[in-house]
Amino acid sequence: MAGSSFCPLFRILIFSLISGGLLTVVNGQRTWCVAKPSSDEATLLANLNYACSLVDCRVLQNGCPCFSPDNLINHASIAMNLYFRAKGCNKWNCDFRGSGLIVVTDPSYGNCIYE
């Protein structure tokens, strides 16, 4: 399941301007969307509510694999990535008004698998 839905990029080297920074991605590299660590709580909560209004966020419920750690940046990152996946893994699907960050390191932990 985790290996079946990823976002391949088809150019050898892609330079994308994301929130004022330059992102370099190599052909075929998997990407994930997470919340920027500098995001404030109001922004994280807005991102969580927005994403979960459009995608299934049951994985964040108490007792589910991604509930712990039970904090806003963790839950927002998971919801943002679920939205990013559902909407096609385009850089604009991870913008969240400049509070999203596309990463190439898998943020999965324990039994919580970022797809």
N, C-alpha and C. Protein backbone atom coordinates (compact mmCIF):
# COMPACT_ATOMS: atom_id res chain seq x y z
N MET A 1 0.81 -1.18 0.00
CA MET A 1 0.00 0.00 0.00
C MET A 1 0.87 1.25 0.00
N ALA A 2 1.86 1.33 0.89
CA ALA A 2 2.70 2.51 0.96
C ALA A 2 3.51 2.70 -0.31
N GLY A 3 3.92 1.63 -0.96
CA GLY A 3 4.74 1.74 -2.15
C GLY A 3 3.94 1.98 -3.42
N SER A 4 2.61 1.88 -3.35
CA SER A 4 1.82 1.96 -4.56
C SER A 4 1.43 3.37 -4.96
N SER A 5 1.42 4.31 -4.04
CA SER A 5 0.98 5.66 -4.40
C SER A 5 2.08 6.66 -4.08
N PHE A 6 2.91 6.93 -5.09
CA PHE A 6 3.95 7.92 -4.89
C PHE A 6 3.92 8.92 -6.02
N CYS A 7 4.70 9.94 -5.87
CA CYS A 7 4.68 11.04 -6.84
C CYS A 7 5.98 11.09 -7.61
N PRO A 8 6.10 10.37 -8.69
CA PRO A 8 7.34 10.43 -9.45
C PRO A 8 7.43 11.76 -10.20
N LEU A 9 8.62 12.23 -10.34
CA LEU A 9 8.88 13.42 -11.13
C LEU A 9 9.69 12.96 -12.33
N PHE A 10 9.31 13.42 -13.52
CA PHE A 10 9.83 12.81 -14.73
C PHE A 10 11.00 13.53 -15.38
N ARG A 11 11.46 14.58 -14.86
CA ARG A 11 12.63 15.23 -15.44
C ARG A 11 13.87 14.86 -14.64
N ILE A 12 15.01 14.92 -15.27
CA ILE A 12 16.26 14.60 -14.58
C ILE A 12 16.44 15.52 -13.38
N LEU A 13 16.26 16.77 -13.58
CA LEU A 13 16.42 17.73 -12.49
C LEU A 13 15.35 18.79 -12.62
N ILE A 14 14.59 18.99 -11.57
CA ILE A 14 13.53 19.98 -11.60
C ILE A 14 13.82 21.02 -10.54
N PHE A 15 13.77 22.26 -10.94
CA PHE A 15 13.92 23.35 -10.00
C PHE A 15 12.56 24.01 -9.84
N SER A 16 12.09 24.05 -8.62
CA SER A 16 10.80 24.67 -8.35
C SER A 16 10.95 25.73 -7.28
N LEU A 17 10.35 26.83 -7.53
CA LEU A 17 10.36 27.89 -6.53
C LEU A 17 9.20 27.65 -5.58
N ILE A 18 9.51 27.29 -4.35
CA ILE A 18 8.48 26.99 -3.37
C ILE A 18 8.71 27.89 -2.16
N SER A 19 7.79 28.75 -1.93
CA SER A 19 7.83 29.64 -0.76
C SER A 19 9.17 30.34 -0.61
N GLY A 20 9.70 30.83 -1.70
CA GLY A 20 10.93 31.59 -1.64
C GLY A 20 12.20 30.76 -1.65
N GLY A 21 12.09 29.44 -1.68
CA GLY A 21 13.28 28.60 -1.68
C GLY A 21 13.35 27.78 -2.95
N LEU A 22 14.51 27.25 -3.24
CA LEU A 22 14.72 26.45 -4.43
C LEU A 22 14.71 24.98 -4.04
N LEU A 23 13.87 24.19 -4.68
CA LEU A 23 13.77 22.76 -4.42
C LEU A 23 14.36 22.01 -5.59
N THR A 24 15.31 21.12 -5.33
CA THR A 24 15.91 20.30 -6.36
C THR A 24 15.50 18.86 -6.12
N VAL A 25 14.94 18.23 -7.15
CA VAL A 25 14.47 16.86 -7.03
C VAL A 25 15.01 16.06 -8.20
N VAL A 26 15.47 14.85 -7.93
CA VAL A 26 16.03 13.99 -8.95
C VAL A 26 14.96 13.06 -9.48
N ASN A 27 15.06 12.67 -10.72
CA ASN A 27 14.12 11.79 -11.40
C ASN A 27 13.68 10.62 -10.54
N GLY A 28 12.37 10.44 -10.43
CA GLY A 28 11.81 9.30 -9.73
C GLY A 28 11.81 9.40 -8.22
N GLN A 29 12.26 10.48 -7.66
CA GLN A 29 12.34 10.63 -6.21
C GLN A 29 10.94 10.75 -5.61
N ARG A 30 10.65 9.98 -4.57
CA ARG A 30 9.36 10.10 -3.87
C ARG A 30 9.35 11.39 -3.08
N THR A 31 8.19 11.98 -2.99
CA THR A 31 8.04 13.21 -2.22
C THR A 31 6.85 13.12 -1.29
N TRP A 32 6.94 13.88 -0.20
CA TRP A 32 5.87 13.97 0.78
C TRP A 32 5.67 15.43 1.12
N CYS A 33 4.50 15.75 1.65
CA CYS A 33 4.18 17.11 2.07
C CYS A 33 4.04 17.13 3.59
N VAL A 34 4.75 18.02 4.24
CA VAL A 34 4.66 18.17 5.69
C VAL A 34 4.53 19.65 6.02
N ALA A 35 4.15 19.93 7.26
CA ALA A 35 4.05 21.31 7.73
C ALA A 35 5.44 21.86 8.02
N LYS A 36 5.67 23.10 7.65
CA LYS A 36 6.93 23.74 7.99
C LYS A 36 7.02 23.85 9.51
N PRO A 37 8.17 23.52 10.08
CA PRO A 37 8.33 23.61 11.53
C PRO A 37 8.08 25.01 12.09
N SER A 38 8.23 26.03 11.27
CA SER A 38 8.02 27.41 11.73
C SER A 38 6.55 27.85 11.70
N SER A 39 5.65 26.97 11.27
CA SER A 39 4.23 27.32 11.19
C SER A 39 3.64 27.55 12.57
N ASP A 40 2.80 28.57 12.67
CA ASP A 40 2.16 28.83 13.96
C ASP A 40 0.95 27.92 14.15
N GLU A 41 0.45 27.84 15.38
CA GLU A 41 -0.63 26.92 15.71
C GLU A 41 -1.91 27.20 14.93
N ALA A 42 -2.25 28.47 14.74
CA ALA A 42 -3.46 28.82 14.00
C ALA A 42 -3.38 28.31 12.56
N THR A 43 -2.23 28.44 11.95
CA THR A 43 -2.03 27.96 10.58
C THR A 43 -2.12 26.44 10.52
N LEU A 44 -1.47 25.78 11.46
CA LEU A 44 -1.52 24.31 11.51
C LEU A 44 -2.95 23.82 11.67
N LEU A 45 -3.69 24.45 12.57
CA LEU A 45 -5.08 24.05 12.80
C LEU A 45 -5.92 24.28 11.55
N ALA A 46 -5.71 25.40 10.88
CA ALA A 46 -6.44 25.69 9.64
C ALA A 46 -6.11 24.64 8.58
N ASN A 47 -4.84 24.28 8.46
CA ASN A 47 -4.43 23.27 7.48
C ASN A 47 -5.05 21.91 7.80
N LEU A 48 -5.03 21.54 9.06
CA LEU A 48 -5.62 20.27 9.50
C LEU A 48 -7.11 20.24 9.17
N ASN A 49 -7.82 21.29 9.53
CA ASN A 49 -9.26 21.33 9.28
C ASN A 49 -9.57 21.34 7.79
N TYR A 50 -8.81 22.11 7.02
CA TYR A 50 -9.05 22.17 5.58
C TYR A 50 -8.80 20.81 4.93
N ALA A 51 -7.64 20.23 5.19
CA ALA A 51 -7.31 18.95 4.56
C ALA A 51 -8.31 17.87 4.95
N CYS A 52 -8.65 17.81 6.23
CA CYS A 52 -9.56 16.75 6.70
C CYS A 52 -11.01 16.97 6.27
N SER A 53 -11.32 18.18 5.78
CA SER A 53 -12.66 18.40 5.24
C SER A 53 -12.76 17.82 3.82
N LEU A 54 -11.60 17.50 3.23
CA LEU A 54 -11.58 17.02 1.84
C LEU A 54 -11.04 15.61 1.67
N VAL A 55 -10.34 15.10 2.67
CA VAL A 55 -9.79 13.74 2.60
C VAL A 55 -10.10 13.00 3.90
N ASP A 56 -9.96 11.70 3.86
CA ASP A 56 -10.24 10.85 5.01
C ASP A 56 -9.06 10.89 5.99
N CYS A 57 -9.28 11.47 7.15
CA CYS A 57 -8.22 11.61 8.16
C CYS A 57 -8.42 10.67 9.35
N ARG A 58 -9.15 9.58 9.15
CA ARG A 58 -9.39 8.64 10.26
C ARG A 58 -8.11 8.09 10.87
N VAL A 59 -7.03 8.06 10.12
CA VAL A 59 -5.75 7.55 10.60
C VAL A 59 -5.24 8.38 11.78
N LEU A 60 -5.81 9.57 11.99
CA LEU A 60 -5.40 10.46 13.08
C LEU A 60 -6.23 10.27 14.36
N GLN A 61 -7.25 9.43 14.29
CA GLN A 61 -8.10 9.22 15.46
C GLN A 61 -7.36 8.47 16.56
N ASN A 62 -7.77 8.72 17.80
CA ASN A 62 -7.20 8.04 18.96
C ASN A 62 -7.27 6.53 18.74
N GLY A 63 -6.14 5.85 18.93
CA GLY A 63 -6.07 4.41 18.74
C GLY A 63 -5.60 4.00 17.35
N CYS A 64 -5.54 4.94 16.43
CA CYS A 64 -5.09 4.64 15.07
C CYS A 64 -3.58 4.89 14.98
N PRO A 65 -2.94 4.36 13.93
CA PRO A 65 -1.48 4.37 13.84
C PRO A 65 -0.82 5.74 13.90
N CYS A 66 -1.49 6.79 13.44
CA CYS A 66 -0.84 8.10 13.37
C CYS A 66 -1.32 9.08 14.44
N PHE A 67 -2.05 8.59 15.43
CA PHE A 67 -2.53 9.48 16.50
C PHE A 67 -1.38 10.02 17.34
N SER A 68 -0.43 9.15 17.66
CA SER A 68 0.71 9.57 18.48
C SER A 68 1.91 9.88 17.59
N PRO A 69 2.66 10.91 17.88
CA PRO A 69 2.43 11.82 18.99
C PRO A 69 1.22 12.74 18.72
N ASP A 70 0.46 12.95 19.77
CA ASP A 70 -0.76 13.75 19.69
C ASP A 70 -0.40 15.22 19.81
N ASN A 71 0.07 15.79 18.69
CA ASN A 71 0.37 17.21 18.67
C ASN A 71 -0.03 17.79 17.32
N LEU A 72 -0.19 19.08 17.29
CA LEU A 72 -0.73 19.76 16.12
C LEU A 72 0.16 19.65 14.89
N ILE A 73 1.45 19.80 15.04
CA ILE A 73 2.32 19.75 13.84
C ILE A 73 2.32 18.35 13.23
N ASN A 74 2.28 17.32 14.06
CA ASN A 74 2.22 15.94 13.56
C ASN A 74 0.91 15.70 12.82
N HIS A 75 -0.20 16.04 13.44
CA HIS A 75 -1.50 15.79 12.81
C HIS A 75 -1.67 16.63 11.54
N ALA A 76 -1.24 17.88 11.59
CA ALA A 76 -1.34 18.73 10.39
C ALA A 76 -0.49 18.16 9.26
N SER A 77 0.72 17.71 9.56
CA SER A 77 1.60 17.15 8.52
C SER A 77 0.98 15.94 7.86
N ILE A 78 0.40 15.06 8.66
CA ILE A 78 -0.22 13.86 8.09
C ILE A 78 -1.42 14.24 7.23
N ALA A 79 -2.26 15.14 7.72
CA ALA A 79 -3.42 15.57 6.94
C ALA A 79 -3.00 16.27 5.66
N MET A 80 -1.99 17.11 5.74
CA MET A 80 -1.50 17.82 4.56
C MET A 80 -0.96 16.83 3.52
N ASN A 81 -0.27 15.79 3.97
CA ASN A 81 0.25 14.79 3.04
C ASN A 81 -0.88 13.98 2.42
N LEU A 82 -1.90 13.65 3.21
CA LEU A 82 -3.06 12.94 2.66
C LEU A 82 -3.72 13.78 1.55
N TYR A 83 -3.85 15.07 1.79
CA TYR A 83 -4.41 15.99 0.79
C TYR A 83 -3.51 16.05 -0.44
N PHE A 84 -2.21 16.22 -0.21
CA PHE A 84 -1.21 16.27 -1.28
C PHE A 84 -1.33 15.04 -2.19
N ARG A 85 -1.43 13.85 -1.59
CA ARG A 85 -1.58 12.60 -2.35
C ARG A 85 -2.89 12.58 -3.14
N ALA A 86 -3.98 12.91 -2.44
CA ALA A 86 -5.30 12.84 -3.06
C ALA A 86 -5.45 13.79 -4.24
N LYS A 87 -4.77 14.91 -4.18
CA LYS A 87 -4.92 15.94 -5.21
C LYS A 87 -3.89 15.84 -6.33
N GLY A 88 -2.99 14.85 -6.28
CA GLY A 88 -2.10 14.63 -7.41
C GLY A 88 -0.63 14.91 -7.20
N CYS A 89 -0.22 15.23 -5.99
CA CYS A 89 1.20 15.43 -5.67
C CYS A 89 1.86 16.55 -6.46
N ASN A 90 1.11 17.58 -6.76
CA ASN A 90 1.67 18.75 -7.42
C ASN A 90 2.19 19.71 -6.36
N LYS A 91 3.21 20.48 -6.69
CA LYS A 91 3.79 21.37 -5.69
C LYS A 91 2.75 22.32 -5.11
N TRP A 92 1.78 22.74 -5.91
CA TRP A 92 0.75 23.65 -5.40
C TRP A 92 -0.20 22.96 -4.43
N ASN A 93 -0.24 21.63 -4.45
CA ASN A 93 -1.08 20.90 -3.49
C ASN A 93 -0.43 20.82 -2.12
N CYS A 94 0.77 21.35 -1.98
CA CYS A 94 1.47 21.37 -0.70
C CYS A 94 1.79 22.81 -0.27
N ASP A 95 1.17 23.76 -0.89
CA ASP A 95 1.49 25.15 -0.54
C ASP A 95 0.89 25.56 0.82
N PHE A 96 -0.39 25.35 1.00
CA PHE A 96 -1.06 25.69 2.25
C PHE A 96 -0.66 27.09 2.72
N ARG A 97 -0.80 28.05 1.80
CA ARG A 97 -0.46 29.46 2.07
C ARG A 97 0.97 29.63 2.57
N GLY A 98 1.86 28.85 1.98
CA GLY A 98 3.28 28.96 2.31
C GLY A 98 3.72 28.17 3.53
N SER A 99 2.82 27.39 4.11
CA SER A 99 3.18 26.65 5.33
C SER A 99 3.47 25.17 5.08
N GLY A 100 3.41 24.74 3.81
CA GLY A 100 3.72 23.36 3.47
C GLY A 100 5.14 23.24 2.94
N LEU A 101 5.71 22.08 3.14
CA LEU A 101 7.09 21.83 2.72
C LEU A 101 7.15 20.47 2.05
N ILE A 102 7.64 20.41 0.82
CA ILE A 102 7.82 19.13 0.13
C ILE A 102 9.18 18.57 0.53
N VAL A 103 9.16 17.33 1.01
CA VAL A 103 10.39 16.68 1.46
C VAL A 103 10.63 15.40 0.67
N VAL A 104 11.89 14.97 0.62
CA VAL A 104 12.24 13.74 -0.08
C VAL A 104 12.64 12.64 0.89
N THR A 105 12.64 12.93 2.18
CA THR A 105 12.90 11.93 3.20
C THR A 105 11.56 11.46 3.77
N ASP A 106 11.32 10.17 3.74
CA ASP A 106 10.06 9.61 4.21
C ASP A 106 9.83 9.95 5.68
N PRO A 107 8.75 10.69 5.99
CA PRO A 107 8.48 11.07 7.37
C PRO A 107 7.74 9.98 8.18
N SER A 108 7.53 8.82 7.61
CA SER A 108 6.85 7.73 8.32
C SER A 108 7.59 7.37 9.60
N TYR A 109 6.86 6.89 10.58
CA TYR A 109 7.46 6.47 11.85
C TYR A 109 6.60 5.37 12.44
N GLY A 110 7.25 4.41 13.10
CA GLY A 110 6.51 3.31 13.72
C GLY A 110 5.53 2.69 12.76
N ASN A 111 4.27 2.60 13.18
CA ASN A 111 3.20 2.06 12.32
C ASN A 111 2.49 3.14 11.52
N CYS A 112 2.92 4.36 11.65
CA CYS A 112 2.32 5.46 10.89
C CYS A 112 3.08 5.61 9.57
N ILE A 113 2.46 5.16 8.51
CA ILE A 113 3.07 5.18 7.19
C ILE A 113 2.50 6.32 6.38
N TYR A 114 3.36 7.25 6.01
CA TYR A 114 2.95 8.33 5.11
C TYR A 114 2.91 7.71 3.72
N GLU A 115 1.76 7.78 3.08
CA GLU A 115 1.66 7.20 1.75
C GLU A 115 1.99 8.20 0.70
